Every structure is written in C-alpha cells, then in structure tokens.
C-alpha atoms as a PDB file:
ATOM      1  CA  MET A   1       0.000   0.000   0.000  1.00  0.00           C
ATOM      2  CA  ALA A   2       2.834   2.366   0.843  1.00  0.00           C
ATOM      3  CA  LEU A   3       4.500   1.716  -2.515  1.00  0.00           C
ATOM      4  CA  GLY A   4       1.195   2.230  -4.315  1.00  0.00           C
ATOM      5  CA  ALA A   5       0.512   5.499  -2.517  1.00  0.00           C
ATOM      6  CA  GLY A   6       4.060   6.636  -3.184  1.00  0.00           C
ATOM      7  CA  PHE A   7       3.724   5.855  -6.874  1.00  0.00           C
ATOM      8  CA  ALA A   8       0.435   7.784  -7.084  1.00  0.00           C
ATOM      9  CA  TRP A   9       2.127  10.825  -5.541  1.00  0.00           C
ATOM     10  CA  PHE A  10       5.147  10.428  -7.820  1.00  0.00           C
ATOM     11  CA  ALA A  11       2.934  10.195 -10.920  1.00  0.00           C
ATOM     12  CA  ALA A  12       1.004  13.308  -9.932  1.00  0.00           C
ATOM     13  CA  GLU A  13       4.235  15.254  -9.414  1.00  0.00           C
ATOM     14  CA  ALA A  14       5.735  14.040 -12.702  1.00  0.00           C
ATOM     15  CA  GLY A  15       2.719  15.181 -14.710  1.00  0.00           C
ATOM     16  CA  HIS A  16       2.395  18.554 -13.039  1.00  0.00           C
ATOM     17  CA  ALA A  17       3.507  21.567 -15.079  1.00  0.00           C
ATOM     18  CA  ARG A  18       5.141  24.388 -13.119  1.00  0.00           C
ATOM     19  CA  PRO A  19       5.159  28.156 -13.631  1.00  0.00           C
ATOM     20  CA  PRO A  20       8.238  29.664 -15.315  1.00  0.00           C
ATOM     21  CA  PRO A  21      11.276  29.574 -13.025  1.00  0.00           C
ATOM     22  CA  PRO A  22      12.677  32.793 -11.536  1.00  0.00           C
ATOM     23  CA  ALA A  23      15.844  34.397 -12.822  1.00  0.00           C
ATOM     24  CA  SER A  24      18.871  32.408 -11.665  1.00  0.00           C
ATOM     25  CA  ASP A  25      22.646  32.274 -11.986  1.00  0.00           C
ATOM     26  CA  GLY A  26      22.586  29.366 -14.425  1.00  0.00           C
ATOM     27  CA  ILE A  27      20.568  26.704 -16.231  1.00  0.00           C
ATOM     28  CA  VAL A  28      21.478  23.039 -16.481  1.00  0.00           C
ATOM     29  CA  VAL A  29      19.719  20.653 -18.850  1.00  0.00           C
ATOM     30  CA  LEU A  30      20.144  16.909 -18.395  1.00  0.00           C
ATOM     31  CA  THR A  31      20.036  15.370 -21.851  1.00  0.00           C
ATOM     32  CA  GLY A  32      18.168  12.162 -22.521  1.00  0.00           C
ATOM     33  CA  GLY A  33      14.729  13.118 -23.819  1.00  0.00           C
ATOM     34  CA  ALA A  34      13.315  15.026 -26.758  1.00  0.00           C
ATOM     35  CA  GLY A  35      12.445  18.626 -26.002  1.00  0.00           C
ATOM     36  CA  ARG A  36      14.701  19.106 -22.959  1.00  0.00           C
ATOM     37  CA  VAL A  37      17.447  21.019 -24.761  1.00  0.00           C
ATOM     38  CA  GLU A  38      14.898  23.101 -26.651  1.00  0.00           C
ATOM     39  CA  LEU A  39      13.273  24.174 -23.376  1.00  0.00           C
ATOM     40  CA  ALA A  40      16.647  25.056 -21.836  1.00  0.00           C
ATOM     41  CA  LEU A  41      17.678  27.125 -24.846  1.00  0.00           C
ATOM     42  CA  ARG A  42      14.358  28.951 -24.769  1.00  0.00           C
ATOM     43  CA  LEU A  43      14.882  29.809 -21.097  1.00  0.00           C
ATOM     44  CA  LEU A  44      18.367  31.078 -21.939  1.00  0.00           C
ATOM     45  CA  ALA A  45      16.972  33.189 -24.789  1.00  0.00           C
ATOM     46  CA  GLU A  46      14.379  34.591 -22.369  1.00  0.00           C
ATOM     47  CA  ARG A  47      17.258  35.732 -20.106  1.00  0.00           C
ATOM     48  CA  ARG A  48      16.192  33.506 -17.208  1.00  0.00           C
ATOM     49  CA  ALA A  49      19.917  33.000 -16.595  1.00  0.00           C
ATOM     50  CA  PRO A  50      23.162  34.161 -18.252  1.00  0.00           C
ATOM     51  CA  ARG A  51      24.704  30.675 -18.639  1.00  0.00           C
ATOM     52  CA  LEU A  52      23.639  27.193 -19.714  1.00  0.00           C
ATOM     53  CA  LEU A  53      25.248  23.795 -19.162  1.00  0.00           C
ATOM     54  CA  VAL A  54      24.154  21.011 -21.514  1.00  0.00           C
ATOM     55  CA  SER A  55      25.152  18.026 -19.389  1.00  0.00           C
ATOM     56  CA  GLY A  56      25.817  14.665 -21.015  1.00  0.00           C
ATOM     57  CA  THR A  57      25.973  15.795 -24.626  1.00  0.00           C
ATOM     58  CA  GLY A  58      27.808  14.033 -27.436  1.00  0.00           C
ATOM     59  CA  ARG A  59      30.666  15.329 -29.550  1.00  0.00           C
ATOM     60  CA  GLY A  60      28.679  17.790 -31.674  1.00  0.00           C
ATOM     61  CA  ASP A  61      29.102  21.546 -31.377  1.00  0.00           C
ATOM     62  CA  LEU A  62      26.554  24.173 -30.354  1.00  0.00           C
ATOM     63  CA  ALA A  63      25.294  24.581 -33.919  1.00  0.00           C
ATOM     64  CA  ASP A  64      24.491  20.860 -34.037  1.00  0.00           C
ATOM     65  CA  ILE A  65      22.638  21.091 -30.727  1.00  0.00           C
ATOM     66  CA  ILE A  66      20.593  24.100 -31.830  1.00  0.00           C
ATOM     67  CA  ALA A  67      19.749  22.391 -35.124  1.00  0.00           C
ATOM     68  CA  ALA A  68      18.651  19.210 -33.306  1.00  0.00           C
ATOM     69  CA  ALA A  69      16.514  21.288 -30.931  1.00  0.00           C
ATOM     70  CA  ASN A  70      14.631  22.704 -33.957  1.00  0.00           C
ATOM     71  CA  LEU A  71      14.534  26.215 -32.524  1.00  0.00           C
ATOM     72  CA  ALA A  72      12.938  29.084 -34.382  1.00  0.00           C
ATOM     73  CA  ALA A  73      15.508  31.444 -35.893  1.00  0.00           C
ATOM     74  CA  SER A  74      14.226  34.269 -33.676  1.00  0.00           C
ATOM     75  CA  VAL A  75      15.026  32.184 -30.592  1.00  0.00           C
ATOM     76  CA  SER A  76      18.386  30.766 -31.698  1.00  0.00           C
ATOM     77  CA  ALA A  77      19.530  34.285 -32.593  1.00  0.00           C
ATOM     78  CA  GLN A  78      19.264  35.166 -28.907  1.00  0.00           C
ATOM     79  CA  VAL A  79      21.721  32.414 -27.880  1.00  0.00           C
ATOM     80  CA  SER A  80      25.387  33.364 -27.759  1.00  0.00           C
ATOM     81  CA  PRO A  81      28.014  30.576 -27.961  1.00  0.00           C
ATOM     82  CA  GLY A  82      29.810  32.146 -25.011  1.00  0.00           C
ATOM     83  CA  GLN A  83      26.787  31.441 -22.803  1.00  0.00           C
ATOM     84  CA  VAL A  84      26.690  27.685 -23.394  1.00  0.00           C
ATOM     85  CA  THR A  85      28.959  25.012 -21.917  1.00  0.00           C
ATOM     86  CA  LEU A  86      28.804  21.522 -23.412  1.00  0.00           C
ATOM     87  CA  GLY A  87      29.360  18.866 -20.756  1.00  0.00           C
ATOM     88  CA  ARG A  88      30.561  15.700 -22.445  1.00  0.00           C
ATOM     89  CA  ASP A  89      31.504  13.374 -19.573  1.00  0.00           C
ATOM     90  CA  ALA A  90      28.235  12.480 -17.806  1.00  0.00           C
ATOM     91  CA  ARG A  91      26.781   9.043 -18.591  1.00  0.00           C
ATOM     92  CA  SER A  92      24.194   8.856 -15.806  1.00  0.00           C
ATOM     93  CA  THR A  93      22.086  11.160 -13.649  1.00  0.00           C
ATOM     94  CA  ARG A  94      24.710  10.884 -10.914  1.00  0.00           C
ATOM     95  CA  GLY A  95      27.331  11.847 -13.509  1.00  0.00           C
ATOM     96  CA  ASN A  96      25.161  14.820 -14.530  1.00  0.00           C
ATOM     97  CA  ALA A  97      25.186  15.944 -10.901  1.00  0.00           C
ATOM     98  CA  ARG A  98      28.981  15.767 -10.644  1.00  0.00           C
ATOM     99  CA  GLU A  99      29.413  17.603 -13.942  1.00  0.00           C
ATOM    100  CA  THR A 100      26.962  20.266 -12.779  1.00  0.00           C
ATOM    101  CA  ALA A 101      28.690  20.659  -9.402  1.00  0.00           C
ATOM    102  CA  ASP A 102      32.030  21.340 -11.108  1.00  0.00           C
ATOM    103  CA  TRP A 103      30.412  23.917 -13.413  1.00  0.00           C
ATOM    104  CA  VAL A 104      28.567  25.639 -10.557  1.00  0.00           C
ATOM    105  CA  ALA A 105      31.767  25.837  -8.500  1.00  0.00           C
ATOM    106  CA  ALA A 106      33.753  27.225 -11.442  1.00  0.00           C
ATOM    107  CA  HIS A 107      31.277  30.107 -11.840  1.00  0.00           C
ATOM    108  CA  GLY A 108      30.402  30.687  -8.175  1.00  0.00           C
ATOM    109  CA  MET A 109      26.683  30.152  -8.709  1.00  0.00           C
ATOM    110  CA  GLY A 110      24.115  30.376  -5.941  1.00  0.00           C
ATOM    111  CA  SER A 111      21.002  29.378  -7.878  1.00  0.00           C
ATOM    112  CA  LEU A 112      20.259  27.019 -10.742  1.00  0.00           C
ATOM    113  CA  ILE A 113      17.345  26.225 -13.056  1.00  0.00           C
ATOM    114  CA  VAL A 114      17.145  22.468 -13.632  1.00  0.00           C
ATOM    115  CA  VAL A 115      15.648  21.286 -16.933  1.00  0.00           C
ATOM    116  CA  THR A 116      14.739  17.661 -17.511  1.00  0.00           C
ATOM    117  CA  SER A 117      11.603  15.618 -18.175  1.00  0.00           C
ATOM    118  CA  GLY A 118       8.927  15.766 -15.498  1.00  0.00           C
ATOM    119  CA  TYR A 119       9.226  12.036 -14.800  1.00  0.00           C
ATOM    120  CA  HIS A 120      13.008  12.419 -14.307  1.00  0.00           C
ATOM    121  CA  MET A 121      12.962  15.604 -12.219  1.00  0.00           C
ATOM    122  CA  ARG A 122      12.564  14.024  -8.778  1.00  0.00           C
ATOM    123  CA  ARG A 123      15.662  11.815  -9.230  1.00  0.00           C
ATOM    124  CA  ALA A 124      17.649  14.619 -10.863  1.00  0.00           C
ATOM    125  CA  LEU A 125      16.976  16.944  -7.926  1.00  0.00           C
ATOM    126  CA  TRP A 126      17.916  14.190  -5.460  1.00  0.00           C
ATOM    127  CA  GLU A 127      21.301  13.626  -7.116  1.00  0.00           C
ATOM    128  CA  LEU A 128      21.960  17.355  -7.516  1.00  0.00           C
ATOM    129  CA  ARG A 129      21.137  18.130  -3.885  1.00  0.00           C
ATOM    130  CA  ARG A 130      23.378  15.247  -2.806  1.00  0.00           C
ATOM    131  CA  THR A 131      26.284  16.686  -4.817  1.00  0.00           C
ATOM    132  CA  LEU A 132      25.912  20.481  -4.772  1.00  0.00           C
ATOM    133  CA  PRO A 133      26.605  22.699  -1.742  1.00  0.00           C
ATOM    134  CA  PRO A 134      23.445  23.107   0.372  1.00  0.00           C
ATOM    135  CA  THR A 135      23.469  26.857  -0.289  1.00  0.00           C
ATOM    136  CA  VAL A 136      22.726  26.400  -4.010  1.00  0.00           C
ATOM    137  CA  VAL A 137      19.024  26.987  -4.673  1.00  0.00           C
ATOM    138  CA  LEU A 138      17.459  24.724  -7.306  1.00  0.00           C
ATOM    139  CA  HIS A 139      14.481  25.790  -9.430  1.00  0.00           C
ATOM    140  CA  PRO A 140      12.917  22.861 -11.340  1.00  0.00           C
ATOM    141  CA  ALA A 141      11.695  23.516 -14.880  1.00  0.00           C
ATOM    142  CA  PRO A 142      10.226  20.152 -15.902  1.00  0.00           C
ATOM    143  CA  LEU A 143       9.314  19.270 -19.452  1.00  0.00           C
ATOM    144  CA  VAL A 144       5.828  17.756 -19.357  1.00  0.00           C
ATOM    145  CA  PRO A 145       4.072  16.427 -22.484  1.00  0.00           C
ATOM    146  CA  HIS A 146       0.684  17.915 -23.278  1.00  0.00           C
ATOM    147  CA  LEU A 147      -2.342  16.300 -24.882  1.00  0.00           C
ATOM    148  CA  PRO A 148      -4.446  18.247 -27.409  1.00  0.00           C
ATOM    149  CA  ASP A 149      -7.066  18.929 -24.718  1.00  0.00           C
ATOM    150  CA  GLY A 150      -4.439  20.678 -22.588  1.00  0.00           C
ATOM    151  CA  GLN A 151      -4.111  17.931 -19.983  1.00  0.00           C
ATOM    152  CA  ASP A 152      -0.694  16.637 -18.924  1.00  0.00           C
ATOM    153  CA  GLN A 153       0.168  12.988 -19.361  1.00  0.00           C
ATOM    154  CA  VAL A 154       3.316  10.919 -18.781  1.00  0.00           C
ATOM    155  CA  PRO A 155       3.508   7.351 -20.158  1.00  0.00           C
ATOM    156  CA  LEU A 156       2.913   4.791 -17.420  1.00  0.00           C
ATOM    157  CA  ARG A 157       5.947   2.679 -18.345  1.00  0.00           C
ATOM    158  CA  LEU A 158       8.248   5.684 -17.961  1.00  0.00           C
ATOM    159  CA  LEU A 159       6.679   6.563 -14.646  1.00  0.00           C
ATOM    160  CA  ALA A 160       7.085   3.029 -13.298  1.00  0.00           C
ATOM    161  CA  ALA A 161      10.709   2.752 -14.434  1.00  0.00           C
ATOM    162  CA  GLU A 162      11.627   6.175 -13.122  1.00  0.00           C
ATOM    163  CA  TYR A 163       9.874   5.581  -9.801  1.00  0.00           C
ATOM    164  CA  ALA A 164      12.010   2.469  -9.318  1.00  0.00           C
ATOM    165  CA  LYS A 165      15.170   4.387 -10.254  1.00  0.00           C
ATOM    166  CA  TRP A 166      14.312   7.191  -7.864  1.00  0.00           C
ATOM    167  CA  LEU A 167      13.785   4.749  -5.007  1.00  0.00           C
ATOM    168  CA  GLY A 168      17.084   3.108  -5.916  1.00  0.00           C
ATOM    169  CA  ALA A 169      18.875   6.463  -5.887  1.00  0.00           C
ATOM    170  CA  MET A 170      17.488   7.237  -2.443  1.00  0.00           C
ATOM    171  CA  VAL A 171      19.059   4.070  -1.000  1.00  0.00           C
ATOM    172  CA  GLY A 172      22.371   4.613  -2.800  1.00  0.00           C
ATOM    173  CA  LEU A 173      22.084   2.222  -5.739  1.00  0.00           C
ATOM    174  CA  SER A 174      22.806   5.006  -8.229  1.00  0.00           C
ATOM    175  CA  ALA A 175      26.454   5.004  -7.107  1.00  0.00           C
ATOM    176  CA  TRP A 176      26.828   1.397  -8.274  1.00  0.00           C
ATOM    177  CA  VAL A 177      25.064   2.094 -11.586  1.00  0.00           C
ATOM    178  CA  ALA A 178      27.256   5.140 -12.225  1.00  0.00           C
ATOM    179  CA  ARG A 179      30.435   3.113 -11.589  1.00  0.00           C
ATOM    180  CA  GLU A 180      29.280   0.455 -14.045  1.00  0.00           C
ATOM    181  CA  GLU A 181      28.527   3.050 -16.723  1.00  0.00           C
ATOM    182  CA  GLU A 182      31.849   4.841 -16.237  1.00  0.00           C
ATOM    183  CA  ALA A 183      33.737   1.546 -16.393  1.00  0.00           C
ATOM    184  CA  ALA A 184      32.218   0.933 -19.827  1.00  0.00           C
ATOM    185  CA  GLY A 185      34.488   3.653 -21.216  1.00  0.00           C
ATOM    186  CA  PRO A 186      33.951   6.924 -23.098  1.00  0.00           C
ATOM    187  CA  ALA A 187      30.506   7.682 -24.410  1.00  0.00           C
ATOM    188  CA  THR A 188      29.933   7.347 -28.121  1.00  0.00           C
ATOM    189  CA  HIS A 189      28.497  10.237 -30.102  1.00  0.00           C
ATOM    190  CA  VAL A 190      24.757  10.664 -29.776  1.00  0.00           C
ATOM    191  CA  PRO A 191      22.898  13.909 -30.599  1.00  0.00           C
ATOM    192  CA  ALA A 192      22.357  16.058 -27.529  1.00  0.00           C
ATOM    193  CA  ALA A 193      18.599  16.163 -27.955  1.00  0.00           C
ATOM    194  CA  THR A 194      18.269  12.395 -27.565  1.00  0.00           C
ATOM    195  CA  ARG A 195      21.278  11.137 -25.656  1.00  0.00           C
ATOM    196  CA  GLY A 196      20.357   9.445 -22.418  1.00  0.00           C
ATOM    197  CA  SER A 197      20.990  10.249 -18.827  1.00  0.00           C
ATOM    198  CA  GLY A 198      17.500   9.994 -17.818  1.00  0.00           C
END
C-alpha cells in the first residue's frame, strides 16, 4: 500500500507543469529526452539565466545542438556561444550531478534552473542536492508532455521505471550504476537532444 501510494504521488508530481522559473545564476539541462534542450535554450533566450550547461551531450558543437533542438531562428539568434557550456563526460544522472557541481563551483553560482523531463525531475533533484553545496538553490523547470485537450500525461511505463530508479537512488544504488557506466568507457556520439541520462 505504501509503494502504491508513493507511486500515485510520484505520478502526480511528474505530470504537473510548473510556472516559469525565476531568474537564476545558471541553467542546467540533463540530456536524454526530446524537447529538454529546446526548453533550456528557450529559457536562456528569455534571459532567465546568463549561462547554460548542456550536461551529457555528445561530440557535436553548439550549432548541431541548436539544429537538433529545432529552434525558431528568432530564438536561436538570442543564444550566444559564449553562454553555453557543453558537458561531455556524464553518462548517468549521478554523472550529470557531478558535472553540474564542477560547473557551478567554477562560476560561483548560488542558484540554478534544472531542466529535464517531469518524470526524471525528482531523481535529478535528489542527485543534484546530494552533490551540490546546500546553499545552491534549485528551481525545477520540468518538461511535461501535453495532450491536445491541454491535460498533462506521462507514459505509465516511464513513470514506473523512473519511480524504481528514484527509489534506488534514495538508497544509494545510483552510485553502483554510475560506476558500471563509467567503467564501460567513453561515451559514443549521440545527438544532444536524444542522448540518455534519464
């Protein structure tokens, strides 16, 4: 019953759209799902933050990432290459957190907008809070799919898998998974808009 109630709460959170995040020192997007990078670039173009980290990207450059995100020219024109850092080392959500912590420390950031899919947000925040200094304020900006009638919906299979991963992360299993992924060697090239951490 406890697991069932927990899953119901998790599903409700994952499908819940949030208001736009406040202005922050930086934006991090955890690659692994369509639309995540596009949302992060839009937030950067809207001046929600002066810097963006694309964590867990492949070997393409910023032009490749913008092209894969399918941004309107009016939006991409607002993105300066000097604002975007491409993080190429992360192969897991735990790796995303370490990559983000290094970037935050390098720029002395005190607040961060976190962009990932709604179903992945709870685990991403857990790993980031475990890794970042407690003084860094996190503002979630989840990507939530919308149905034509305006209602939010997340596929049940994704919810179930991510719920299990989140529970595993809370008891420390993500450390073992991250070690296994890192031991597999360098990541191969995958476009940033689809490469998986999440």
